[in-house]
mmCIF file of all heavy atoms, coordinates in Angstrom:
data_MODEL
# 
_entry.id   MODEL 
# 
loop_
_atom_site.group_PDB 
_atom_site.id 
_atom_site.type_symbol 
_atom_site.label_atom_id 
_atom_site.label_alt_id 
_atom_site.label_comp_id 
_atom_site.label_asym_id 
_atom_site.label_entity_id 
_atom_site.label_seq_id 
_atom_site.pdbx_PDB_ins_code 
_atom_site.Cartn_x 
_atom_site.Cartn_y 
_atom_site.Cartn_z 
_atom_site.occupancy 
_atom_site.B_iso_or_equiv 
_atom_site.pdbx_formal_charge 
_atom_site.auth_seq_id 
_atom_site.auth_comp_id 
_atom_site.auth_asym_id 
_atom_site.auth_atom_id 
_atom_site.pdbx_PDB_model_num 
ATOM 1   N N   . PRO A 1 1  ? -9.340  107.609 64.993 1.00 0.00 ? 1  PRO A N   1 
ATOM 2   C CA  . PRO A 1 1  ? -8.059  107.058 65.431 1.00 0.00 ? 1  PRO A CA  1 
ATOM 3   C C   . PRO A 1 1  ? -7.658  107.478 66.839 1.00 0.00 ? 1  PRO A C   1 
ATOM 4   O O   . PRO A 1 1  ? -6.725  106.911 67.405 1.00 0.00 ? 1  PRO A O   1 
ATOM 5   C CB  . PRO A 1 1  ? -7.077  107.602 64.393 1.00 0.00 ? 1  PRO A CB  1 
ATOM 6   C CG  . PRO A 1 1  ? -7.722  108.833 63.848 1.00 0.00 ? 1  PRO A CG  1 
ATOM 7   C CD  . PRO A 1 1  ? -9.191  108.553 63.866 1.00 0.00 ? 1  PRO A CD  1 
ATOM 8   N N   . ALA A 1 2  ? -8.365  108.447 67.425 1.00 0.00 ? 2  ALA A N   1 
ATOM 9   C CA  . ALA A 1 2  ? -8.022  108.924 68.766 1.00 0.00 ? 2  ALA A CA  1 
ATOM 10  C C   . ALA A 1 2  ? -8.865  108.266 69.854 1.00 0.00 ? 2  ALA A C   1 
ATOM 11  O O   . ALA A 1 2  ? -8.771  108.648 71.016 1.00 0.00 ? 2  ALA A O   1 
ATOM 12  C CB  . ALA A 1 2  ? -8.190  110.437 68.841 1.00 0.00 ? 2  ALA A CB  1 
ATOM 13  N N   . ALA A 1 3  ? -9.685  107.283 69.483 1.00 0.00 ? 3  ALA A N   1 
ATOM 14  C CA  . ALA A 1 3  ? -10.611 106.705 70.454 1.00 0.00 ? 3  ALA A CA  1 
ATOM 15  C C   . ALA A 1 3  ? -10.584 105.181 70.419 1.00 0.00 ? 3  ALA A C   1 
ATOM 16  O O   . ALA A 1 3  ? -10.311 104.559 69.390 1.00 0.00 ? 3  ALA A O   1 
ATOM 17  C CB  . ALA A 1 3  ? -12.023 107.199 70.198 1.00 0.00 ? 3  ALA A CB  1 
ATOM 18  N N   . TYR A 1 4  ? -10.882 104.590 71.564 1.00 0.00 ? 4  TYR A N   1 
ATOM 19  C CA  . TYR A 1 4  ? -11.188 103.172 71.681 1.00 0.00 ? 4  TYR A CA  1 
ATOM 20  C C   . TYR A 1 4  ? -12.705 103.004 71.725 1.00 0.00 ? 4  TYR A C   1 
ATOM 21  O O   . TYR A 1 4  ? -13.440 103.924 72.079 1.00 0.00 ? 4  TYR A O   1 
ATOM 22  C CB  . TYR A 1 4  ? -10.628 102.591 72.977 1.00 0.00 ? 4  TYR A CB  1 
ATOM 23  C CG  . TYR A 1 4  ? -9.134  102.485 73.059 1.00 0.00 ? 4  TYR A CG  1 
ATOM 24  C CD1 . TYR A 1 4  ? -8.415  103.247 73.976 1.00 0.00 ? 4  TYR A CD1 1 
ATOM 25  C CD2 . TYR A 1 4  ? -8.431  101.600 72.245 1.00 0.00 ? 4  TYR A CD2 1 
ATOM 26  C CE1 . TYR A 1 4  ? -7.034  103.138 74.083 1.00 0.00 ? 4  TYR A CE1 1 
ATOM 27  C CE2 . TYR A 1 4  ? -7.048  101.488 72.339 1.00 0.00 ? 4  TYR A CE2 1 
ATOM 28  C CZ  . TYR A 1 4  ? -6.355  102.256 73.252 1.00 0.00 ? 4  TYR A CZ  1 
ATOM 29  O OH  . TYR A 1 4  ? -4.991  102.147 73.350 1.00 0.00 ? 4  TYR A OH  1 
ATOM 30  N N   . PHE A 1 5  ? -13.164 101.794 71.394 1.00 0.00 ? 5  PHE A N   1 
ATOM 31  C CA  . PHE A 1 5  ? -14.538 101.451 71.710 1.00 0.00 ? 5  PHE A CA  1 
ATOM 32  C C   . PHE A 1 5  ? -14.556 100.085 72.378 1.00 0.00 ? 5  PHE A C   1 
ATOM 33  O O   . PHE A 1 5  ? -13.725 99.222  72.096 1.00 0.00 ? 5  PHE A O   1 
ATOM 34  C CB  . PHE A 1 5  ? -15.447 101.498 70.474 1.00 0.00 ? 5  PHE A CB  1 
ATOM 35  C CG  . PHE A 1 5  ? -15.290 100.354 69.509 1.00 0.00 ? 5  PHE A CG  1 
ATOM 36  C CD1 . PHE A 1 5  ? -16.070 99.205  69.620 1.00 0.00 ? 5  PHE A CD1 1 
ATOM 37  C CD2 . PHE A 1 5  ? -14.382 100.434 68.457 1.00 0.00 ? 5  PHE A CD2 1 
ATOM 38  C CE1 . PHE A 1 5  ? -15.933 98.152  68.717 1.00 0.00 ? 5  PHE A CE1 1 
ATOM 39  C CE2 . PHE A 1 5  ? -14.240 99.393  67.551 1.00 0.00 ? 5  PHE A CE2 1 
ATOM 40  C CZ  . PHE A 1 5  ? -15.019 98.244  67.686 1.00 0.00 ? 5  PHE A CZ  1 
ATOM 41  N N   . SER A 1 6  ? -15.495 99.924  73.303 1.00 0.00 ? 6  SER A N   1 
ATOM 42  C CA  . SER A 1 6  ? -15.602 98.696  74.077 1.00 0.00 ? 6  SER A CA  1 
ATOM 43  C C   . SER A 1 6  ? -17.052 98.244  74.122 1.00 0.00 ? 6  SER A C   1 
ATOM 44  O O   . SER A 1 6  ? -17.975 99.064  74.041 1.00 0.00 ? 6  SER A O   1 
ATOM 45  C CB  . SER A 1 6  ? -15.094 98.905  75.504 1.00 0.00 ? 6  SER A CB  1 
ATOM 46  O OG  . SER A 1 6  ? -13.737 99.294  75.516 1.00 0.00 ? 6  SER A OG  1 
ATOM 47  N N   . LEU A 1 7  ? -17.239 96.938  74.261 1.00 0.00 ? 7  LEU A N   1 
ATOM 48  C CA  . LEU A 1 7  ? -18.574 96.345  74.337 1.00 0.00 ? 7  LEU A CA  1 
ATOM 49  C C   . LEU A 1 7  ? -18.745 95.644  75.674 1.00 0.00 ? 7  LEU A C   1 
ATOM 50  O O   . LEU A 1 7  ? -17.873 94.885  76.104 1.00 0.00 ? 7  LEU A O   1 
ATOM 51  C CB  . LEU A 1 7  ? -18.780 95.327  73.214 1.00 0.00 ? 7  LEU A CB  1 
ATOM 52  C CG  . LEU A 1 7  ? -18.440 95.737  71.780 1.00 0.00 ? 7  LEU A CG  1 
ATOM 53  C CD1 . LEU A 1 7  ? -18.751 94.594  70.821 1.00 0.00 ? 7  LEU A CD1 1 
ATOM 54  C CD2 . LEU A 1 7  ? -19.192 96.993  71.393 1.00 0.00 ? 7  LEU A CD2 1 
ATOM 55  N N   . PHE A 1 8  ? -19.899 95.895  76.318 1.00 0.00 ? 8  PHE A N   1 
ATOM 56  C CA  . PHE A 1 8  ? -20.204 95.249  77.585 1.00 0.00 ? 8  PHE A CA  1 
ATOM 57  C C   . PHE A 1 8  ? -21.635 94.709  77.537 1.00 0.00 ? 8  PHE A C   1 
ATOM 58  O O   . PHE A 1 8  ? -22.571 95.475  77.277 1.00 0.00 ? 8  PHE A O   1 
ATOM 59  C CB  . PHE A 1 8  ? -20.067 96.239  78.746 1.00 0.00 ? 8  PHE A CB  1 
ATOM 60  C CG  . PHE A 1 8  ? -18.681 96.803  78.882 1.00 0.00 ? 8  PHE A CG  1 
ATOM 61  C CD1 . PHE A 1 8  ? -18.374 98.050  78.357 1.00 0.00 ? 8  PHE A CD1 1 
ATOM 62  C CD2 . PHE A 1 8  ? -17.676 96.086  79.502 1.00 0.00 ? 8  PHE A CD2 1 
ATOM 63  C CE1 . PHE A 1 8  ? -17.093 98.586  78.464 1.00 0.00 ? 8  PHE A CE1 1 
ATOM 64  C CE2 . PHE A 1 8  ? -16.387 96.608  79.623 1.00 0.00 ? 8  PHE A CE2 1 
ATOM 65  C CZ  . PHE A 1 8  ? -16.097 97.851  79.098 1.00 0.00 ? 8  PHE A CZ  1 
ATOM 66  N N   . PRO A 1 9  ? -21.820 93.408  77.790 1.00 0.00 ? 9  PRO A N   1 
ATOM 67  C CA  . PRO A 1 9  ? -23.181 92.860  77.824 1.00 0.00 ? 9  PRO A CA  1 
ATOM 68  C C   . PRO A 1 9  ? -23.926 93.367  79.055 1.00 0.00 ? 9  PRO A C   1 
ATOM 69  O O   . PRO A 1 9  ? -23.347 93.473  80.142 1.00 0.00 ? 9  PRO A O   1 
ATOM 70  C CB  . PRO A 1 9  ? -22.949 91.348  77.879 1.00 0.00 ? 9  PRO A CB  1 
ATOM 71  C CG  . PRO A 1 9  ? -21.595 91.184  78.483 1.00 0.00 ? 9  PRO A CG  1 
ATOM 72  C CD  . PRO A 1 9  ? -20.791 92.380  78.051 1.00 0.00 ? 9  PRO A CD  1 
ATOM 73  N N   . LEU A 1 10 ? -25.206 93.668  78.877 1.00 0.00 ? 10 LEU A N   1 
ATOM 74  C CA  . LEU A 1 10 ? -25.968 94.308  79.948 1.00 0.00 ? 10 LEU A CA  1 
ATOM 75  C C   . LEU A 1 10 ? -26.978 93.395  80.624 1.00 0.00 ? 10 LEU A C   1 
ATOM 76  O O   . LEU A 1 10 ? -27.385 93.670  81.746 1.00 0.00 ? 10 LEU A O   1 
ATOM 77  C CB  . LEU A 1 10 ? -26.705 95.535  79.400 1.00 0.00 ? 10 LEU A CB  1 
ATOM 78  C CG  . LEU A 1 10 ? -25.826 96.717  79.007 1.00 0.00 ? 10 LEU A CG  1 
ATOM 79  C CD1 . LEU A 1 10 ? -26.664 97.795  78.335 1.00 0.00 ? 10 LEU A CD1 1 
ATOM 80  C CD2 . LEU A 1 10 ? -25.112 97.282  80.221 1.00 0.00 ? 10 LEU A CD2 1 
ATOM 81  N N   . GLU A 1 11 ? -27.419 92.359  79.951 1.00 0.00 ? 11 GLU A N   1 
ATOM 82  C CA  . GLU A 1 11 ? -28.484 91.508  80.498 1.00 0.00 ? 11 GLU A CA  1 
ATOM 83  C C   . GLU A 1 11 ? -28.038 90.058  80.462 1.00 0.00 ? 11 GLU A C   1 
ATOM 84  O O   . GLU A 1 11 ? -28.632 89.224  79.798 1.00 0.00 ? 11 GLU A O   1 
ATOM 85  C CB  . GLU A 1 11 ? -29.767 91.699  79.703 1.00 0.00 ? 11 GLU A CB  1 
ATOM 86  C CG  . GLU A 1 11 ? -30.289 93.133  79.724 1.00 0.00 ? 11 GLU A CG  1 
ATOM 87  C CD  . GLU A 1 11 ? -31.460 93.322  78.786 1.00 0.00 ? 11 GLU A CD  1 
ATOM 88  O OE1 . GLU A 1 11 ? -31.250 93.270  77.570 1.00 0.00 ? 11 GLU A OE1 1 
ATOM 89  O OE2 . GLU A 1 11 ? -32.586 93.502  79.286 1.00 0.00 ? 11 GLU A OE2 1 
ATOM 90  N N   . GLY A 1 12 ? -26.984 89.756  81.171 1.00 0.00 ? 12 GLY A N   1 
ATOM 91  C CA  . GLY A 1 12 ? -26.420 88.419  81.087 1.00 0.00 ? 12 GLY A CA  1 
ATOM 92  C C   . GLY A 1 12 ? -25.588 88.288  79.826 1.00 0.00 ? 12 GLY A C   1 
ATOM 93  O O   . GLY A 1 12 ? -25.121 89.276  79.255 1.00 0.00 ? 12 GLY A O   1 
ATOM 94  N N   . ALA A 1 13 ? -25.385 87.068  79.373 1.00 0.00 ? 13 ALA A N   1 
ATOM 95  C CA  . ALA A 1 13 ? -24.563 86.833  78.189 1.00 0.00 ? 13 ALA A CA  1 
ATOM 96  C C   . ALA A 1 13 ? -25.221 87.407  76.943 1.00 0.00 ? 13 ALA A C   1 
ATOM 97  O O   . ALA A 1 13 ? -26.445 87.396  76.798 1.00 0.00 ? 13 ALA A O   1 
ATOM 98  C CB  . ALA A 1 13 ? -24.322 85.340  78.014 1.00 0.00 ? 13 ALA A CB  1 
ATOM 99  N N   . ALA A 1 14 ? -24.392 87.934  76.045 1.00 0.00 ? 14 ALA A N   1 
ATOM 100 C CA  . ALA A 1 14 ? -24.836 88.382  74.723 1.00 0.00 ? 14 ALA A CA  1 
ATOM 101 C C   . ALA A 1 14 ? -24.196 87.458  73.696 1.00 0.00 ? 14 ALA A C   1 
ATOM 102 O O   . ALA A 1 14 ? -22.974 87.275  73.697 1.00 0.00 ? 14 ALA A O   1 
ATOM 103 C CB  . ALA A 1 14 ? -24.427 89.827  74.475 1.00 0.00 ? 14 ALA A CB  1 
ATOM 104 N N   . SER A 1 15 ? -24.993 86.866  72.854 1.00 0.00 ? 15 SER A N   1 
ATOM 105 C CA  . SER A 1 15 ? -24.464 85.907  71.888 1.00 0.00 ? 15 SER A CA  1 
ATOM 106 C C   . SER A 1 15 ? -24.745 86.370  70.471 1.00 0.00 ? 15 SER A C   1 
ATOM 107 O O   . SER A 1 15 ? -25.580 87.239  70.225 1.00 0.00 ? 15 SER A O   1 
ATOM 108 C CB  . SER A 1 15 ? -25.054 84.518  72.122 1.00 0.00 ? 15 SER A CB  1 
ATOM 109 O OG  . SER A 1 15 ? -26.464 84.551  72.040 1.00 0.00 ? 15 SER A OG  1 
ATOM 110 N N   . GLY A 1 16 ? -24.000 85.746  69.533 1.00 0.00 ? 16 GLY A N   1 
ATOM 111 C CA  . GLY A 1 16 ? -24.101 86.199  68.149 1.00 0.00 ? 16 GLY A CA  1 
ATOM 112 C C   . GLY A 1 16 ? -23.574 87.609  67.990 1.00 0.00 ? 16 GLY A C   1 
ATOM 113 O O   . GLY A 1 16 ? -24.190 88.438  67.331 1.00 0.00 ? 16 GLY A O   1 
ATOM 114 N N   . VAL A 1 17 ? -22.422 87.877  68.606 1.00 0.00 ? 17 VAL A N   1 
ATOM 115 C CA  . VAL A 1 17 ? -21.819 89.212  68.530 1.00 0.00 ? 17 VAL A CA  1 
ATOM 116 C C   . VAL A 1 17 ? -20.851 89.247  67.355 1.00 0.00 ? 17 VAL A C   1 
ATOM 117 O O   . VAL A 1 17 ? -19.953 88.408  67.241 1.00 0.00 ? 17 VAL A O   1 
ATOM 118 C CB  . VAL A 1 17 ? -21.075 89.568  69.832 1.00 0.00 ? 17 VAL A CB  1 
ATOM 119 C CG1 . VAL A 1 17 ? -20.419 90.935  69.714 1.00 0.00 ? 17 VAL A CG1 1 
ATOM 120 C CG2 . VAL A 1 17 ? -22.036 89.540  71.021 1.00 0.00 ? 17 VAL A CG2 1 
ATOM 121 N N   . PHE A 1 18 ? -21.044 90.231  66.485 1.00 0.00 ? 18 PHE A N   1 
ATOM 122 C CA  . PHE A 1 18 ? -20.199 90.400  65.308 1.00 0.00 ? 18 PHE A CA  1 
ATOM 123 C C   . PHE A 1 18 ? -19.620 91.813  65.315 1.00 0.00 ? 18 PHE A C   1 
ATOM 124 O O   . PHE A 1 18 ? -20.350 92.785  65.541 1.00 0.00 ? 18 PHE A O   1 
ATOM 125 C CB  . PHE A 1 18 ? -20.995 90.190  64.017 1.00 0.00 ? 18 PHE A CB  1 
ATOM 126 C CG  . PHE A 1 18 ? -21.502 88.788  63.820 1.00 0.00 ? 18 PHE A CG  1 
ATOM 127 C CD1 . PHE A 1 18 ? -22.653 88.359  64.470 1.00 0.00 ? 18 PHE A CD1 1 
ATOM 128 C CD2 . PHE A 1 18 ? -20.825 87.906  62.988 1.00 0.00 ? 18 PHE A CD2 1 
ATOM 129 C CE1 . PHE A 1 18 ? -23.133 87.063  64.285 1.00 0.00 ? 18 PHE A CE1 1 
ATOM 130 C CE2 . PHE A 1 18 ? -21.302 86.615  62.797 1.00 0.00 ? 18 PHE A CE2 1 
ATOM 131 C CZ  . PHE A 1 18 ? -22.451 86.191  63.450 1.00 0.00 ? 18 PHE A CZ  1 
ATOM 132 N N   . ILE A 1 19 ? -18.344 91.937  65.077 1.00 0.00 ? 19 ILE A N   1 
ATOM 133 C CA  . ILE A 1 19 ? -17.697 93.233  64.892 1.00 0.00 ? 19 ILE A CA  1 
ATOM 134 C C   . ILE A 1 19 ? -16.948 93.179  63.578 1.00 0.00 ? 19 ILE A C   1 
ATOM 135 O O   . ILE A 1 19 ? -16.099 92.303  63.354 1.00 0.00 ? 19 ILE A O   1 
ATOM 136 C CB  . ILE A 1 19 ? -16.693 93.566  66.012 1.00 0.00 ? 19 ILE A CB  1 
ATOM 137 C CG1 . ILE A 1 19 ? -17.343 93.535  67.385 1.00 0.00 ? 19 ILE A CG1 1 
ATOM 138 C CG2 . ILE A 1 19 ? -16.068 94.940  65.768 1.00 0.00 ? 19 ILE A CG2 1 
ATOM 139 C CD1 . ILE A 1 19 ? -16.371 93.758  68.526 1.00 0.00 ? 19 ILE A CD1 1 
ATOM 140 N N   . THR A 1 20 ? -17.241 94.111  62.689 1.00 0.00 ? 20 THR A N   1 
ATOM 141 C CA  . THR A 1 20 ? -16.497 94.246  61.434 1.00 0.00 ? 20 THR A CA  1 
ATOM 142 C C   . THR A 1 20 ? -15.943 95.655  61.344 1.00 0.00 ? 20 THR A C   1 
ATOM 143 O O   . THR A 1 20 ? -16.447 96.584  61.992 1.00 0.00 ? 20 THR A O   1 
ATOM 144 C CB  . THR A 1 20 ? -17.396 93.969  60.209 1.00 0.00 ? 20 THR A CB  1 
ATOM 145 O OG1 . THR A 1 20 ? -18.543 94.842  60.249 1.00 0.00 ? 20 THR A OG1 1 
ATOM 146 C CG2 . THR A 1 20 ? -17.885 92.525  60.213 1.00 0.00 ? 20 THR A CG2 1 
ATOM 147 N N   . GLY A 1 21 ? -14.881 95.829  60.569 1.00 0.00 ? 21 GLY A N   1 
ATOM 148 C CA  . GLY A 1 21 ? -14.280 97.143  60.397 1.00 0.00 ? 21 GLY A CA  1 
ATOM 149 C C   . GLY A 1 21 ? -13.510 97.603  61.602 1.00 0.00 ? 21 GLY A C   1 
ATOM 150 O O   . GLY A 1 21 ? -13.369 98.807  61.832 1.00 0.00 ? 21 GLY A O   1 
ATOM 151 N N   . ALA A 1 22 ? -12.970 96.647  62.392 1.00 0.00 ? 22 ALA A N   1 
ATOM 152 C CA  . ALA A 1 22 ? -12.240 96.985  63.611 1.00 0.00 ? 22 ALA A CA  1 
ATOM 153 C C   . ALA A 1 22 ? -10.926 96.224  63.660 1.00 0.00 ? 22 ALA A C   1 
ATOM 154 O O   . ALA A 1 22 ? -10.738 95.209  62.985 1.00 0.00 ? 22 ALA A O   1 
ATOM 155 C CB  . ALA A 1 22 ? -13.077 96.664  64.841 1.00 0.00 ? 22 ALA A CB  1 
ATOM 156 N N   . LYS A 1 23 ? -10.010 96.716  64.480 1.00 0.00 ? 23 LYS A N   1 
ATOM 157 C CA  . LYS A 1 23 ? -8.708  96.067  64.640 1.00 0.00 ? 23 LYS A CA  1 
ATOM 158 C C   . LYS A 1 23 ? -8.868  94.642  65.146 1.00 0.00 ? 23 LYS A C   1 
ATOM 159 O O   . LYS A 1 23 ? -8.138  93.738  64.743 1.00 0.00 ? 23 LYS A O   1 
ATOM 160 C CB  . LYS A 1 23 ? -7.850  96.885  65.609 1.00 0.00 ? 23 LYS A CB  1 
ATOM 161 C CG  . LYS A 1 23 ? -6.447  96.322  65.810 1.00 0.00 ? 23 LYS A CG  1 
ATOM 162 C CD  . LYS A 1 23 ? -5.613  97.228  66.714 1.00 0.00 ? 23 LYS A CD  1 
ATOM 163 C CE  . LYS A 1 23 ? -4.198  96.665  66.906 1.00 0.00 ? 23 LYS A CE  1 
ATOM 164 N NZ  . LYS A 1 23 ? -3.385  97.574  67.772 1.00 0.00 ? 23 LYS A NZ  1 
ATOM 165 N N   . TYR A 1 24 ? -9.844  94.438  66.051 1.00 0.00 ? 24 TYR A N   1 
ATOM 166 C CA  . TYR A 1 24 ? -10.102 93.109  66.599 1.00 0.00 ? 24 TYR A CA  1 
ATOM 167 C C   . TYR A 1 24 ? -11.528 92.709  66.228 1.00 0.00 ? 24 TYR A C   1 
ATOM 168 O O   . TYR A 1 24 ? -12.474 92.983  66.966 1.00 0.00 ? 24 TYR A O   1 
ATOM 169 C CB  . TYR A 1 24 ? -9.933  93.115  68.122 1.00 0.00 ? 24 TYR A CB  1 
ATOM 170 C CG  . TYR A 1 24 ? -8.592  93.638  68.580 1.00 0.00 ? 24 TYR A CG  1 
ATOM 171 C CD1 . TYR A 1 24 ? -8.489  94.856  69.249 1.00 0.00 ? 24 TYR A CD1 1 
ATOM 172 C CD2 . TYR A 1 24 ? -7.418  92.927  68.334 1.00 0.00 ? 24 TYR A CD2 1 
ATOM 173 C CE1 . TYR A 1 24 ? -7.261  95.343  69.670 1.00 0.00 ? 24 TYR A CE1 1 
ATOM 174 C CE2 . TYR A 1 24 ? -6.187  93.412  68.747 1.00 0.00 ? 24 TYR A CE2 1 
ATOM 175 C CZ  . TYR A 1 24 ? -6.116  94.614  69.408 1.00 0.00 ? 24 TYR A CZ  1 
ATOM 176 O OH  . TYR A 1 24 ? -4.897  95.102  69.816 1.00 0.00 ? 24 TYR A OH  1 
ATOM 177 N N   . PRO A 1 25 ? -11.707 92.057  65.085 1.00 0.00 ? 25 PRO A N   1 
ATOM 178 C CA  . PRO A 1 25 ? -13.052 91.654  64.673 1.00 0.00 ? 25 PRO A CA  1 
ATOM 179 C C   . PRO A 1 25 ? -13.551 90.473  65.505 1.00 0.00 ? 25 PRO A C   1 
ATOM 180 O O   . PRO A 1 25 ? -12.767 89.733  66.101 1.00 0.00 ? 25 PRO A O   1 
ATOM 181 C CB  . PRO A 1 25 ? -12.862 91.259  63.208 1.00 0.00 ? 25 PRO A CB  1 
ATOM 182 C CG  . PRO A 1 25 ? -11.429 90.841  63.116 1.00 0.00 ? 25 PRO A CG  1 
ATOM 183 C CD  . PRO A 1 25 ? -10.680 91.697  64.095 1.00 0.00 ? 25 PRO A CD  1 
ATOM 184 N N   . LEU A 1 26 ? -14.852 90.330  65.550 1.00 0.00 ? 26 LEU A N   1 
ATOM 185 C CA  . LEU A 1 26 ? -15.474 89.177  66.190 1.00 0.00 ? 26 LEU A CA  1 
ATOM 186 C C   . LEU A 1 26 ? -16.502 88.581  65.240 1.00 0.00 ? 26 LEU A C   1 
ATOM 187 O O   . LEU A 1 26 ? -17.152 89.308  64.477 1.00 0.00 ? 26 LEU A O   1 
ATOM 188 C CB  . LEU A 1 26 ? -16.179 89.572  67.490 1.00 0.00 ? 26 LEU A CB  1 
ATOM 189 C CG  . LEU A 1 26 ? -15.322 89.895  68.710 1.00 0.00 ? 26 LEU A CG  1 
ATOM 190 C CD1 . LEU A 1 26 ? -16.214 90.300  69.888 1.00 0.00 ? 26 LEU A CD1 1 
ATOM 191 C CD2 . LEU A 1 26 ? -14.440 88.713  69.108 1.00 0.00 ? 26 LEU A CD2 1 
# 
């Protein structure tokens, strides 16, 4: 609860990204 997490694509676009168990799911 004391941390954020962030995602950054490294090799151009990243597709089929899924996030579960988070405040902002994808």
